[in-house]
Amino acid sequence: MTALTWVSGVFRARVVAARLKSEGIDAQLRGALDGSYGLTVGDMARIDVFVPEDQLEDARYVLLVDEVDATLAAPSEWWDAGDDSPRARRRWPWWVALAILTVAVLGPFLGYVTNW
């Protein structure tokens, strides 16, 4: 087995391994898999991805294709690109302001009524 790459985190490692296996490439993960620490960061979260030496070039190609696809994909902030009404995007500050105003007005009133 030859080292292909390393990733940070179990979820990302399992996604990479599943992607490689979907293309018929045998992948093995080595590192902080299913460890006793639930939350790992930095080098503690490093997981190495290994593939057979004869499949190394194919695996690199699969990772390259996935990286290019991710780069060319539309940004996630385009989810509302078809919505022409600017009101839909600016409605939440009004709800927050209404909630703050309601608490500011009703709070002292309820304190006065209940003699708190």
N, C-alpha and C. Protein backbone atom coordinates (compact mmCIF):
# COMPACT_ATOMS: atom_id res chain seq x y z
N MET A 1 0.85 -1.17 0.00
CA MET A 1 0.00 0.00 0.00
C MET A 1 0.89 1.24 0.00
N THR A 2 0.45 2.25 -0.73
CA THR A 2 1.20 3.49 -0.88
C THR A 2 0.33 4.64 -0.37
N ALA A 3 0.97 5.60 0.29
CA ALA A 3 0.24 6.75 0.81
C ALA A 3 -0.24 7.62 -0.35
N LEU A 4 -1.52 7.91 -0.35
CA LEU A 4 -2.10 8.77 -1.37
C LEU A 4 -2.19 10.20 -0.87
N THR A 5 -2.82 10.39 0.27
CA THR A 5 -3.00 11.71 0.85
C THR A 5 -3.35 11.54 2.31
N TRP A 6 -3.55 12.65 2.98
CA TRP A 6 -4.08 12.61 4.35
C TRP A 6 -5.16 13.65 4.45
N VAL A 7 -6.11 13.40 5.33
CA VAL A 7 -7.21 14.32 5.57
C VAL A 7 -7.37 14.52 7.06
N SER A 8 -8.12 15.53 7.41
CA SER A 8 -8.35 15.84 8.82
C SER A 8 -9.79 15.51 9.17
N GLY A 9 -9.98 14.51 9.99
CA GLY A 9 -11.32 14.15 10.44
C GLY A 9 -11.80 12.84 9.86
N VAL A 10 -12.55 12.11 10.67
CA VAL A 10 -13.04 10.79 10.29
C VAL A 10 -14.06 10.89 9.15
N PHE A 11 -14.97 11.87 9.23
CA PHE A 11 -16.00 11.98 8.20
C PHE A 11 -15.39 12.22 6.83
N ARG A 12 -14.46 13.18 6.76
CA ARG A 12 -13.82 13.48 5.49
C ARG A 12 -13.04 12.27 4.96
N ALA A 13 -12.39 11.54 5.87
CA ALA A 13 -11.62 10.36 5.45
C ALA A 13 -12.54 9.29 4.89
N ARG A 14 -13.67 9.08 5.54
CA ARG A 14 -14.60 8.06 5.05
C ARG A 14 -15.23 8.48 3.71
N VAL A 15 -15.42 9.77 3.50
CA VAL A 15 -15.94 10.25 2.22
C VAL A 15 -14.93 10.00 1.11
N VAL A 16 -13.66 10.29 1.38
CA VAL A 16 -12.60 10.06 0.39
C VAL A 16 -12.50 8.57 0.08
N ALA A 17 -12.52 7.73 1.11
CA ALA A 17 -12.43 6.28 0.89
C ALA A 17 -13.64 5.77 0.10
N ALA A 18 -14.82 6.26 0.42
CA ALA A 18 -16.02 5.84 -0.31
C ALA A 18 -15.95 6.28 -1.77
N ARG A 19 -15.45 7.49 -2.00
CA ARG A 19 -15.32 7.97 -3.38
C ARG A 19 -14.34 7.11 -4.17
N LEU A 20 -13.23 6.76 -3.55
CA LEU A 20 -12.25 5.91 -4.23
C LEU A 20 -12.82 4.52 -4.48
N LYS A 21 -13.52 3.97 -3.49
CA LYS A 21 -14.10 2.64 -3.66
C LYS A 21 -15.19 2.63 -4.71
N SER A 22 -15.90 3.75 -4.88
CA SER A 22 -16.92 3.81 -5.92
C SER A 22 -16.31 3.75 -7.32
N GLU A 23 -15.05 4.11 -7.43
CA GLU A 23 -14.34 4.03 -8.70
C GLU A 23 -13.55 2.73 -8.84
N GLY A 24 -13.72 1.81 -7.89
CA GLY A 24 -13.04 0.52 -7.97
C GLY A 24 -11.63 0.52 -7.43
N ILE A 25 -11.29 1.51 -6.63
CA ILE A 25 -9.94 1.62 -6.07
C ILE A 25 -10.01 1.19 -4.60
N ASP A 26 -9.15 0.25 -4.24
CA ASP A 26 -9.10 -0.22 -2.85
C ASP A 26 -8.40 0.83 -2.01
N ALA A 27 -9.07 1.28 -0.97
CA ALA A 27 -8.50 2.31 -0.10
C ALA A 27 -8.52 1.84 1.34
N GLN A 28 -7.44 2.15 2.04
CA GLN A 28 -7.35 1.85 3.46
C GLN A 28 -7.10 3.15 4.22
N LEU A 29 -7.73 3.25 5.38
CA LEU A 29 -7.56 4.42 6.22
C LEU A 29 -6.76 4.02 7.45
N ARG A 30 -5.79 4.87 7.79
CA ARG A 30 -4.98 4.62 8.98
C ARG A 30 -4.82 5.92 9.74
N GLY A 31 -5.06 5.83 11.03
CA GLY A 31 -4.91 7.02 11.86
C GLY A 31 -5.92 7.04 12.97
N ALA A 32 -6.45 8.20 13.27
CA ALA A 32 -7.36 8.40 14.40
C ALA A 32 -8.78 8.00 14.06
N LEU A 33 -8.97 6.79 13.60
CA LEU A 33 -10.31 6.29 13.28
C LEU A 33 -10.93 5.68 14.52
N ASP A 34 -12.15 6.07 14.82
CA ASP A 34 -12.90 5.48 15.93
C ASP A 34 -12.09 5.42 17.21
N GLY A 35 -11.34 6.48 17.46
CA GLY A 35 -10.53 6.54 18.67
C GLY A 35 -11.36 6.87 19.89
N SER A 36 -10.71 6.94 21.01
CA SER A 36 -11.41 7.22 22.26
C SER A 36 -11.75 8.70 22.39
N TYR A 37 -11.11 9.55 21.58
CA TYR A 37 -11.39 10.98 21.62
C TYR A 37 -12.45 11.30 20.57
N GLY A 38 -13.55 11.86 21.02
CA GLY A 38 -14.63 12.17 20.09
C GLY A 38 -14.34 13.38 19.24
N LEU A 39 -13.64 14.35 19.79
CA LEU A 39 -13.35 15.58 19.07
C LEU A 39 -11.83 15.70 18.94
N THR A 40 -11.35 15.65 17.74
CA THR A 40 -9.91 15.77 17.53
C THR A 40 -9.63 16.93 16.59
N VAL A 41 -8.51 17.59 16.83
CA VAL A 41 -8.08 18.71 16.00
C VAL A 41 -6.60 18.57 15.72
N GLY A 42 -6.15 19.26 14.70
CA GLY A 42 -4.72 19.26 14.39
C GLY A 42 -4.23 17.88 13.97
N ASP A 43 -3.04 17.52 14.45
CA ASP A 43 -2.46 16.23 14.09
C ASP A 43 -3.20 15.05 14.70
N MET A 44 -3.97 15.29 15.75
CA MET A 44 -4.75 14.20 16.33
C MET A 44 -5.87 13.75 15.39
N ALA A 45 -6.28 14.60 14.49
CA ALA A 45 -7.36 14.28 13.56
C ALA A 45 -6.83 13.77 12.22
N ARG A 46 -5.54 13.66 12.07
CA ARG A 46 -4.95 13.25 10.79
C ARG A 46 -5.23 11.78 10.52
N ILE A 47 -5.73 11.53 9.32
CA ILE A 47 -5.98 10.16 8.86
C ILE A 47 -5.33 10.01 7.49
N ASP A 48 -4.47 9.03 7.37
CA ASP A 48 -3.77 8.77 6.12
C ASP A 48 -4.60 7.83 5.25
N VAL A 49 -4.61 8.12 3.95
CA VAL A 49 -5.33 7.29 2.98
C VAL A 49 -4.29 6.56 2.14
N PHE A 50 -4.39 5.24 2.13
CA PHE A 50 -3.46 4.41 1.39
C PHE A 50 -4.19 3.66 0.29
N VAL A 51 -3.52 3.49 -0.84
CA VAL A 51 -4.06 2.73 -1.97
C VAL A 51 -2.97 1.80 -2.49
N PRO A 52 -3.35 0.74 -3.20
CA PRO A 52 -2.33 -0.12 -3.81
C PRO A 52 -1.48 0.67 -4.81
N GLU A 53 -0.23 0.31 -4.92
CA GLU A 53 0.70 1.06 -5.76
C GLU A 53 0.27 1.05 -7.23
N ASP A 54 -0.32 -0.04 -7.69
CA ASP A 54 -0.75 -0.09 -9.09
C ASP A 54 -1.99 0.75 -9.36
N GLN A 55 -2.70 1.20 -8.33
CA GLN A 55 -3.87 2.05 -8.49
C GLN A 55 -3.61 3.50 -8.09
N LEU A 56 -2.36 3.84 -7.80
CA LEU A 56 -2.02 5.15 -7.29
C LEU A 56 -2.37 6.26 -8.29
N GLU A 57 -2.02 6.10 -9.54
CA GLU A 57 -2.30 7.14 -10.55
C GLU A 57 -3.79 7.33 -10.75
N ASP A 58 -4.55 6.24 -10.77
CA ASP A 58 -6.00 6.35 -10.90
C ASP A 58 -6.61 7.08 -9.71
N ALA A 59 -6.10 6.78 -8.53
CA ALA A 59 -6.61 7.43 -7.31
C ALA A 59 -6.30 8.92 -7.34
N ARG A 60 -5.11 9.28 -7.77
CA ARG A 60 -4.77 10.71 -7.88
C ARG A 60 -5.68 11.41 -8.89
N TYR A 61 -5.99 10.72 -9.96
CA TYR A 61 -6.88 11.29 -10.97
C TYR A 61 -8.28 11.51 -10.41
N VAL A 62 -8.79 10.55 -9.63
CA VAL A 62 -10.12 10.68 -9.02
C VAL A 62 -10.14 11.88 -8.08
N LEU A 63 -9.11 12.03 -7.25
CA LEU A 63 -9.06 13.17 -6.33
C LEU A 63 -8.96 14.49 -7.09
N LEU A 64 -8.21 14.51 -8.19
CA LEU A 64 -8.09 15.71 -9.00
C LEU A 64 -9.43 16.09 -9.62
N VAL A 65 -10.14 15.12 -10.14
CA VAL A 65 -11.45 15.38 -10.74
C VAL A 65 -12.41 15.93 -9.69
N ASP A 66 -12.40 15.35 -8.49
CA ASP A 66 -13.28 15.85 -7.42
C ASP A 66 -12.93 17.28 -7.03
N GLU A 67 -11.64 17.59 -7.00
CA GLU A 67 -11.22 18.95 -6.65
C GLU A 67 -11.64 19.95 -7.72
N VAL A 68 -11.51 19.58 -8.98
CA VAL A 68 -11.93 20.46 -10.07
C VAL A 68 -13.43 20.66 -10.03
N ASP A 69 -14.19 19.59 -9.80
CA ASP A 69 -15.65 19.72 -9.71
C ASP A 69 -16.05 20.64 -8.56
N ALA A 70 -15.39 20.52 -7.43
CA ALA A 70 -15.71 21.38 -6.28
C ALA A 70 -15.37 22.84 -6.58
N THR A 71 -14.31 23.07 -7.33
CA THR A 71 -13.92 24.43 -7.68
C THR A 71 -14.91 25.07 -8.65
N LEU A 72 -15.41 24.29 -9.58
CA LEU A 72 -16.32 24.82 -10.60
C LEU A 72 -17.77 24.85 -10.17
N ALA A 73 -18.09 24.28 -9.02
CA ALA A 73 -19.47 24.28 -8.54
C ALA A 73 -19.89 25.68 -8.13
N ALA A 74 -21.18 25.93 -8.22
CA ALA A 74 -21.71 27.23 -7.83
C ALA A 74 -21.55 27.42 -6.33
N PRO A 75 -21.22 28.61 -5.88
CA PRO A 75 -21.10 28.86 -4.44
C PRO A 75 -22.43 28.63 -3.73
N SER A 76 -22.35 28.26 -2.47
CA SER A 76 -23.56 27.94 -1.73
C SER A 76 -24.44 29.16 -1.49
N GLU A 77 -23.88 30.37 -1.59
CA GLU A 77 -24.72 31.54 -1.38
C GLU A 77 -25.61 31.84 -2.58
N TRP A 78 -25.52 31.05 -3.63
CA TRP A 78 -26.37 31.24 -4.79
C TRP A 78 -27.69 30.50 -4.66
N TRP A 79 -27.98 29.93 -3.52
CA TRP A 79 -29.19 29.12 -3.38
C TRP A 79 -30.45 29.93 -3.64
N ASP A 80 -30.42 31.23 -3.39
CA ASP A 80 -31.60 32.05 -3.62
C ASP A 80 -31.43 32.98 -4.82
N ALA A 81 -30.64 32.56 -5.79
CA ALA A 81 -30.35 33.41 -6.94
C ALA A 81 -31.60 33.71 -7.75
N GLY A 82 -32.60 32.85 -7.73
CA GLY A 82 -33.80 33.08 -8.50
C GLY A 82 -34.80 33.99 -7.81
N ASP A 83 -34.58 34.30 -6.54
CA ASP A 83 -35.50 35.15 -5.80
C ASP A 83 -35.16 36.61 -6.08
N ASP A 84 -36.07 37.30 -6.78
CA ASP A 84 -35.82 38.69 -7.15
C ASP A 84 -36.22 39.69 -6.07
N SER A 85 -36.96 39.23 -5.08
CA SER A 85 -37.44 40.17 -4.07
C SER A 85 -36.38 40.39 -2.99
N PRO A 86 -35.88 41.61 -2.86
CA PRO A 86 -34.89 41.88 -1.81
C PRO A 86 -35.51 41.84 -0.42
N ARG A 87 -36.83 41.91 -0.33
CA ARG A 87 -37.49 41.85 0.97
C ARG A 87 -37.28 40.50 1.64
N ALA A 88 -37.21 39.44 0.85
CA ALA A 88 -37.07 38.10 1.43
C ALA A 88 -35.75 37.96 2.17
N ARG A 89 -34.74 38.66 1.73
CA ARG A 89 -33.44 38.55 2.39
C ARG A 89 -33.31 39.49 3.58
N ARG A 90 -34.10 40.55 3.64
CA ARG A 90 -33.96 41.53 4.70
C ARG A 90 -35.08 41.47 5.73
N ARG A 91 -35.78 40.39 5.78
CA ARG A 91 -36.89 40.28 6.69
C ARG A 91 -36.46 39.90 8.10
N TRP A 92 -35.41 39.11 8.28
CA TRP A 92 -35.03 38.62 9.60
C TRP A 92 -34.59 39.72 10.56
N PRO A 93 -33.94 40.82 10.15
CA PRO A 93 -33.61 41.85 11.14
C PRO A 93 -34.85 42.47 11.77
N TRP A 94 -35.93 42.55 11.00
CA TRP A 94 -37.17 43.10 11.55
C TRP A 94 -37.75 42.18 12.62
N TRP A 95 -37.68 40.90 12.42
CA TRP A 95 -38.18 39.96 13.43
C TRP A 95 -37.35 40.03 14.70
N VAL A 96 -36.05 40.18 14.55
CA VAL A 96 -35.18 40.30 15.73
C VAL A 96 -35.50 41.59 16.47
N ALA A 97 -35.66 42.69 15.74
CA ALA A 97 -35.98 43.97 16.37
C ALA A 97 -37.34 43.90 17.07
N LEU A 98 -38.31 43.23 16.46
CA LEU A 98 -39.63 43.09 17.09
C LEU A 98 -39.54 42.27 18.37
N ALA A 99 -38.75 41.22 18.37
CA ALA A 99 -38.60 40.40 19.58
C ALA A 99 -37.94 41.19 20.70
N ILE A 100 -36.91 41.98 20.39
CA ILE A 100 -36.23 42.79 21.40
C ILE A 100 -37.18 43.85 21.95
N LEU A 101 -37.93 44.48 21.07
CA LEU A 101 -38.88 45.50 21.50
C LEU A 101 -39.98 44.90 22.38
N THR A 102 -40.46 43.72 22.03
CA THR A 102 -41.48 43.05 22.82
C THR A 102 -40.97 42.74 24.22
N VAL A 103 -39.76 42.23 24.33
CA VAL A 103 -39.18 41.94 25.64
C VAL A 103 -38.97 43.22 26.43
N ALA A 104 -38.52 44.28 25.77
CA ALA A 104 -38.25 45.55 26.46
C ALA A 104 -39.53 46.18 26.97
N VAL A 105 -40.63 46.01 26.25
CA VAL A 105 -41.89 46.62 26.67
C VAL A 105 -42.63 45.73 27.67
N LEU A 106 -42.73 44.46 27.38
CA LEU A 106 -43.49 43.56 28.24
C LEU A 106 -42.76 43.20 29.52
N GLY A 107 -41.44 43.21 29.50
CA GLY A 107 -40.67 42.86 30.70
C GLY A 107 -40.99 43.75 31.89
N PRO A 108 -40.82 45.06 31.77
CA PRO A 108 -41.15 45.94 32.90
C PRO A 108 -42.64 45.91 33.27
N PHE A 109 -43.52 45.77 32.27
CA PHE A 109 -44.94 45.71 32.54
C PHE A 109 -45.28 44.48 33.37
N LEU A 110 -44.75 43.32 32.98
CA LEU A 110 -45.01 42.10 33.75
C LEU A 110 -44.39 42.17 35.14
N GLY A 111 -43.23 42.82 35.26
CA GLY A 111 -42.62 43.00 36.58
C GLY A 111 -43.47 43.88 37.47
N TYR A 112 -44.09 44.89 36.90
CA TYR A 112 -44.96 45.79 37.67
C TYR A 112 -46.24 45.07 38.09
N VAL A 113 -46.82 44.31 37.16
CA VAL A 113 -48.09 43.62 37.43
C VAL A 113 -47.89 42.55 38.50
N THR A 114 -46.80 41.81 38.45
CA THR A 114 -46.60 40.71 39.40
C THR A 114 -45.86 41.15 40.66
N ASN A 115 -45.50 42.44 40.77
CA ASN A 115 -44.76 42.97 41.92
C ASN A 115 -43.48 42.18 42.18
N TRP A 116 -42.75 41.94 41.20
CA TRP A 116 -41.54 41.12 41.27
C TRP A 116 -40.39 41.88 41.72
